[in-house]
Amino acid sequence: MRTSKVWVVGVLALTTALGLISSAAKLMWNDEFLSFYSDSAASAKAVWEIQKHYPNLA
């Protein structure tokens, strides 16, 4: 019983460490930028304008 708990904790720790290392090296995708910019919008109209213009890929 104790051995299985140690394995579970070990696998979770390894997965967490690899996920943190991986996420620090990856750039955000366009949809993540749109979500990031839209979260601070004060109104639905502001969200619409952000979604139309950012990130400006043209």
PDB file of N, CA and C in Angstrom:
ATOM      1  N   MET A   1       0.825  -1.190   0.000  1.00  0.00           N
ATOM      2  CA  MET A   1       0.000   0.000   0.000  1.00  0.00           C
ATOM      3  C   MET A   1       0.873   1.259   0.000  1.00  0.00           C
ATOM      4  N   ARG A   2       1.883   1.284   0.836  1.00  0.00           N
ATOM      5  CA  ARG A   2       2.754   2.446   0.934  1.00  0.00           C
ATOM      6  C   ARG A   2       3.549   2.633  -0.355  1.00  0.00           C
ATOM      7  N   THR A   3       3.966   1.534  -0.976  1.00  0.00           N
ATOM      8  CA  THR A   3       4.742   1.609  -2.209  1.00  0.00           C
ATOM      9  C   THR A   3       3.919   2.244  -3.325  1.00  0.00           C
ATOM     10  N   SER A   4       2.639   1.916  -3.412  1.00  0.00           N
ATOM     11  CA  SER A   4       1.801   2.492  -4.468  1.00  0.00           C
ATOM     12  C   SER A   4       1.606   3.998  -4.253  1.00  0.00           C
ATOM     13  N   LYS A   5       1.518   4.433  -3.001  1.00  0.00           N
ATOM     14  CA  LYS A   5       1.393   5.865  -2.718  1.00  0.00           C
ATOM     15  C   LYS A   5       2.665   6.599  -3.115  1.00  0.00           C
ATOM     16  N   VAL A   6       3.813   5.990  -2.872  1.00  0.00           N
ATOM     17  CA  VAL A   6       5.086   6.602  -3.252  1.00  0.00           C
ATOM     18  C   VAL A   6       5.167   6.737  -4.763  1.00  0.00           C
ATOM     19  N   TRP A   7       4.734   5.711  -5.484  1.00  0.00           N
ATOM     20  CA  TRP A   7       4.735   5.773  -6.952  1.00  0.00           C
ATOM     21  C   TRP A   7       3.809   6.871  -7.459  1.00  0.00           C
ATOM     22  N   VAL A   8       2.634   6.981  -6.895  1.00  0.00           N
ATOM     23  CA  VAL A   8       1.674   8.005  -7.324  1.00  0.00           C
ATOM     24  C   VAL A   8       2.250   9.391  -7.088  1.00  0.00           C
ATOM     25  N   VAL A   9       2.812   9.615  -5.921  1.00  0.00           N
ATOM     26  CA  VAL A   9       3.417  10.913  -5.607  1.00  0.00           C
ATOM     27  C   VAL A   9       4.599  11.187  -6.543  1.00  0.00           C
ATOM     28  N   GLY A  10       5.394  10.193  -6.825  1.00  0.00           N
ATOM     29  CA  GLY A  10       6.528  10.354  -7.725  1.00  0.00           C
ATOM     30  C   GLY A  10       6.109  10.706  -9.140  1.00  0.00           C
ATOM     31  N   VAL A  11       5.103  10.000  -9.639  1.00  0.00           N
ATOM     32  CA  VAL A  11       4.614  10.270 -10.990  1.00  0.00           C
ATOM     33  C   VAL A  11       4.003  11.669 -11.062  1.00  0.00           C
ATOM     34  N   LEU A  12       3.235  12.059 -10.060  1.00  0.00           N
ATOM     35  CA  LEU A  12       2.652  13.397 -10.037  1.00  0.00           C
ATOM     36  C   LEU A  12       3.734  14.478  -9.966  1.00  0.00           C
ATOM     37  N   ALA A  13       4.750  14.268  -9.165  1.00  0.00           N
ATOM     38  CA  ALA A  13       5.844  15.234  -9.062  1.00  0.00           C
ATOM     39  C   ALA A  13       6.593  15.355 -10.381  1.00  0.00           C
ATOM     40  N   LEU A  14       6.866  14.229 -11.014  1.00  0.00           N
ATOM     41  CA  LEU A  14       7.558  14.245 -12.299  1.00  0.00           C
ATOM     42  C   LEU A  14       6.719  14.945 -13.366  1.00  0.00           C
ATOM     43  N   THR A  15       5.440  14.630 -13.423  1.00  0.00           N
ATOM     44  CA  THR A  15       4.548  15.251 -14.391  1.00  0.00           C
ATOM     45  C   THR A  15       4.461  16.760 -14.172  1.00  0.00           C
ATOM     46  N   THR A  16       4.363  17.168 -12.928  1.00  0.00           N
ATOM     47  CA  THR A  16       4.311  18.599 -12.610  1.00  0.00           C
ATOM     48  C   THR A  16       5.592  19.290 -13.028  1.00  0.00           C
ATOM     49  N   ALA A  17       6.724  18.713 -12.711  1.00  0.00           N
ATOM     50  CA  ALA A  17       8.011  19.320 -13.066  1.00  0.00           C
ATOM     51  C   ALA A  17       8.169  19.434 -14.579  1.00  0.00           C
ATOM     52  N   LEU A  18       7.839  18.388 -15.306  1.00  0.00           N
ATOM     53  CA  LEU A  18       7.952  18.426 -16.761  1.00  0.00           C
ATOM     54  C   LEU A  18       6.986  19.431 -17.378  1.00  0.00           C
ATOM     55  N   GLY A  19       5.803  19.526 -16.834  1.00  0.00           N
ATOM     56  CA  GLY A  19       4.822  20.494 -17.321  1.00  0.00           C
ATOM     57  C   GLY A  19       5.280  21.926 -17.106  1.00  0.00           C
ATOM     58  N   LEU A  20       5.850  22.211 -15.947  1.00  0.00           N
ATOM     59  CA  LEU A  20       6.346  23.558 -15.673  1.00  0.00           C
ATOM     60  C   LEU A  20       7.527  23.916 -16.562  1.00  0.00           C
ATOM     61  N   ILE A  21       8.419  22.976 -16.765  1.00  0.00           N
ATOM     62  CA  ILE A  21       9.571  23.224 -17.641  1.00  0.00           C
ATOM     63  C   ILE A  21       9.089  23.454 -19.076  1.00  0.00           C
ATOM     64  N   SER A  22       8.173  22.632 -19.526  1.00  0.00           N
ATOM     65  CA  SER A  22       7.653  22.743 -20.888  1.00  0.00           C
ATOM     66  C   SER A  22       6.903  24.055 -21.092  1.00  0.00           C
ATOM     67  N   SER A  23       6.074  24.454 -20.133  1.00  0.00           N
ATOM     68  CA  SER A  23       5.275  25.663 -20.303  1.00  0.00           C
ATOM     69  C   SER A  23       6.134  26.919 -20.251  1.00  0.00           C
ATOM     70  N   ALA A  24       7.257  26.880 -19.590  1.00  0.00           N
ATOM     71  CA  ALA A  24       8.138  28.045 -19.538  1.00  0.00           C
ATOM     72  C   ALA A  24       8.840  28.257 -20.879  1.00  0.00           C
ATOM     73  N   ALA A  25       8.990  27.206 -21.665  1.00  0.00           N
ATOM     74  CA  ALA A  25       9.710  27.300 -22.927  1.00  0.00           C
ATOM     75  C   ALA A  25       8.800  27.551 -24.125  1.00  0.00           C
ATOM     76  N   LYS A  26       7.492  27.369 -23.970  1.00  0.00           N
ATOM     77  CA  LYS A  26       6.565  27.515 -25.091  1.00  0.00           C
ATOM     78  C   LYS A  26       6.049  28.942 -25.179  1.00  0.00           C
ATOM     79  N   LEU A  27       5.857  29.412 -26.398  1.00  0.00           N
ATOM     80  CA  LEU A  27       5.219  30.689 -26.615  1.00  0.00           C
ATOM     81  C   LEU A  27       3.708  30.497 -26.617  1.00  0.00           C
ATOM     82  N   MET A  28       2.982  31.573 -26.312  1.00  0.00           N
ATOM     83  CA  MET A  28       1.527  31.502 -26.338  1.00  0.00           C
ATOM     84  C   MET A  28       1.035  31.477 -27.780  1.00  0.00           C
ATOM     85  N   TRP A  29      -0.076  30.793 -28.024  1.00  0.00           N
ATOM     86  CA  TRP A  29      -0.689  30.751 -29.342  1.00  0.00           C
ATOM     87  C   TRP A  29      -1.616  31.947 -29.494  1.00  0.00           C
ATOM     88  N   ASN A  30      -2.043  32.211 -30.717  1.00  0.00           N
ATOM     89  CA  ASN A  30      -2.888  33.377 -30.987  1.00  0.00           C
ATOM     90  C   ASN A  30      -4.169  33.374 -30.159  1.00  0.00           C
ATOM     91  N   ASP A  31      -4.828  32.240 -30.035  1.00  0.00           N
ATOM     92  CA  ASP A  31      -6.070  32.205 -29.268  1.00  0.00           C
ATOM     93  C   ASP A  31      -5.819  32.508 -27.791  1.00  0.00           C
ATOM     94  N   GLU A  32      -4.660  32.143 -27.283  1.00  0.00           N
ATOM     95  CA  GLU A  32      -4.336  32.459 -25.899  1.00  0.00           C
ATOM     96  C   GLU A  32      -4.091  33.958 -25.725  1.00  0.00           C
ATOM     97  N   PHE A  33      -3.477  34.603 -26.730  1.00  0.00           N
ATOM     98  CA  PHE A  33      -3.313  36.054 -26.679  1.00  0.00           C
ATOM     99  C   PHE A  33      -4.663  36.754 -26.696  1.00  0.00           C
ATOM    100  N   LEU A  34      -5.574  36.285 -27.551  1.00  0.00           N
ATOM    101  CA  LEU A  34      -6.895  36.894 -27.605  1.00  0.00           C
ATOM    102  C   LEU A  34      -7.616  36.765 -26.266  1.00  0.00           C
ATOM    103  N   SER A  35      -7.517  35.626 -25.633  1.00  0.00           N
ATOM    104  CA  SER A  35      -8.126  35.440 -24.316  1.00  0.00           C
ATOM    105  C   SER A  35      -7.477  36.356 -23.288  1.00  0.00           C
ATOM    106  N   PHE A  36      -6.162  36.464 -23.344  1.00  0.00           N
ATOM    107  CA  PHE A  36      -5.425  37.308 -22.408  1.00  0.00           C
ATOM    108  C   PHE A  36      -5.852  38.769 -22.534  1.00  0.00           C
ATOM    109  N   TYR A  37      -5.938  39.275 -23.770  1.00  0.00           N
ATOM    110  CA  TYR A  37      -6.343  40.660 -23.991  1.00  0.00           C
ATOM    111  C   TYR A  37      -7.812  40.877 -23.654  1.00  0.00           C
ATOM    112  N   SER A  38      -8.659  39.911 -23.948  1.00  0.00           N
ATOM    113  CA  SER A  38     -10.098  40.062 -23.734  1.00  0.00           C
ATOM    114  C   SER A  38     -10.485  40.037 -22.259  1.00  0.00           C
ATOM    115  N   ASP A  39      -9.693  39.402 -21.429  1.00  0.00           N
ATOM    116  CA  ASP A  39     -10.034  39.293 -20.012  1.00  0.00           C
ATOM    117  C   ASP A  39     -10.111  40.638 -19.316  1.00  0.00           C
ATOM    118  N   SER A  40      -9.378  41.632 -19.808  1.00  0.00           N
ATOM    119  CA  SER A  40      -9.368  42.935 -19.146  1.00  0.00           C
ATOM    120  C   SER A  40     -10.387  43.903 -19.750  1.00  0.00           C
ATOM    121  N   ALA A  41     -11.178  43.467 -20.704  1.00  0.00           N
ATOM    122  CA  ALA A  41     -12.148  44.346 -21.363  1.00  0.00           C
ATOM    123  C   ALA A  41     -13.297  44.675 -20.423  1.00  0.00           C
ATOM    124  N   ALA A  42     -13.763  45.916 -20.528  1.00  0.00           N
ATOM    125  CA  ALA A  42     -14.814  46.380 -19.624  1.00  0.00           C
ATOM    126  C   ALA A  42     -16.224  46.092 -20.130  1.00  0.00           C
ATOM    127  N   SER A  43     -16.373  45.878 -21.443  1.00  0.00           N
ATOM    128  CA  SER A  43     -17.713  45.664 -21.993  1.00  0.00           C
ATOM    129  C   SER A  43     -17.651  44.673 -23.155  1.00  0.00           C
ATOM    130  N   ALA A  44     -18.825  44.265 -23.598  1.00  0.00           N
ATOM    131  CA  ALA A  44     -18.894  43.345 -24.741  1.00  0.00           C
ATOM    132  C   ALA A  44     -18.358  44.019 -25.999  1.00  0.00           C
ATOM    133  N   LYS A  45     -18.618  45.317 -26.148  1.00  0.00           N
ATOM    134  CA  LYS A  45     -18.100  46.050 -27.311  1.00  0.00           C
ATOM    135  C   LYS A  45     -16.577  46.081 -27.290  1.00  0.00           C
ATOM    136  N   ALA A  46     -15.988  46.266 -26.113  1.00  0.00           N
ATOM    137  CA  ALA A  46     -14.533  46.274 -25.996  1.00  0.00           C
ATOM    138  C   ALA A  46     -13.957  44.896 -26.349  1.00  0.00           C
ATOM    139  N   VAL A  47     -14.624  43.837 -25.931  1.00  0.00           N
ATOM    140  CA  VAL A  47     -14.185  42.480 -26.287  1.00  0.00           C
ATOM    141  C   VAL A  47     -14.228  42.308 -27.799  1.00  0.00           C
ATOM    142  N   TRP A  48     -15.311  42.779 -28.429  1.00  0.00           N
ATOM    143  CA  TRP A  48     -15.438  42.674 -29.883  1.00  0.00           C
ATOM    144  C   TRP A  48     -14.294  43.399 -30.587  1.00  0.00           C
ATOM    145  N   GLU A  49     -13.969  44.601 -30.155  1.00  0.00           N
ATOM    146  CA  GLU A  49     -12.885  45.370 -30.775  1.00  0.00           C
ATOM    147  C   GLU A  49     -11.538  44.676 -30.583  1.00  0.00           C
ATOM    148  N   ILE A  50     -11.307  44.122 -29.422  1.00  0.00           N
ATOM    149  CA  ILE A  50     -10.059  43.402 -29.166  1.00  0.00           C
ATOM    150  C   ILE A  50      -9.962  42.181 -30.080  1.00  0.00           C
ATOM    151  N   GLN A  51     -11.051  41.441 -30.190  1.00  0.00           N
ATOM    152  CA  GLN A  51     -11.038  40.235 -31.020  1.00  0.00           C
ATOM    153  C   GLN A  51     -10.831  40.575 -32.492  1.00  0.00           C
ATOM    154  N   LYS A  52     -11.292  41.740 -32.927  1.00  0.00           N
ATOM    155  CA  LYS A  52     -11.119  42.128 -34.328  1.00  0.00           C
ATOM    156  C   LYS A  52      -9.692  42.587 -34.652  1.00  0.00           C
ATOM    157  N   HIS A  53      -9.018  43.177 -33.682  1.00  0.00           N
ATOM    158  CA  HIS A  53      -7.759  43.856 -33.995  1.00  0.00           C
ATOM    159  C   HIS A  53      -6.489  43.273 -33.385  1.00  0.00           C
ATOM    160  N   TYR A  54      -6.585  42.418 -32.386  1.00  0.00           N
ATOM    161  CA  TYR A  54      -5.367  41.933 -31.722  1.00  0.00           C
ATOM    162  C   TYR A  54      -5.323  40.430 -31.756  1.00  0.00           C
ATOM    163  N   PRO A  55      -4.204  39.799 -31.868  1.00  0.00           N
ATOM    164  CA  PRO A  55      -2.960  40.405 -32.325  1.00  0.00           C
ATOM    165  C   PRO A  55      -3.063  40.730 -33.805  1.00  0.00           C
ATOM    166  N   ASN A  56      -2.490  41.816 -34.173  1.00  0.00           N
ATOM    167  CA  ASN A  56      -2.563  42.286 -35.547  1.00  0.00           C
ATOM    168  C   ASN A  56      -1.603  41.467 -36.409  1.00  0.00           C
ATOM    169  N   LEU A  57      -2.144  40.537 -37.162  1.00  0.00           N
ATOM    170  CA  LEU A  57      -1.316  39.632 -37.967  1.00  0.00           C
ATOM    171  C   LEU A  57      -1.159  40.120 -39.409  1.00  0.00           C
ATOM    172  N   ALA A  58      -1.825  41.204 -39.749  1.00  0.00           N
ATOM    173  CA  ALA A  58      -1.775  41.708 -41.143  1.00  0.00           C
ATOM    174  C   ALA A  58      -0.498  42.454 -41.417  1.00  0.00           C
TER     175      ALA A  58
END
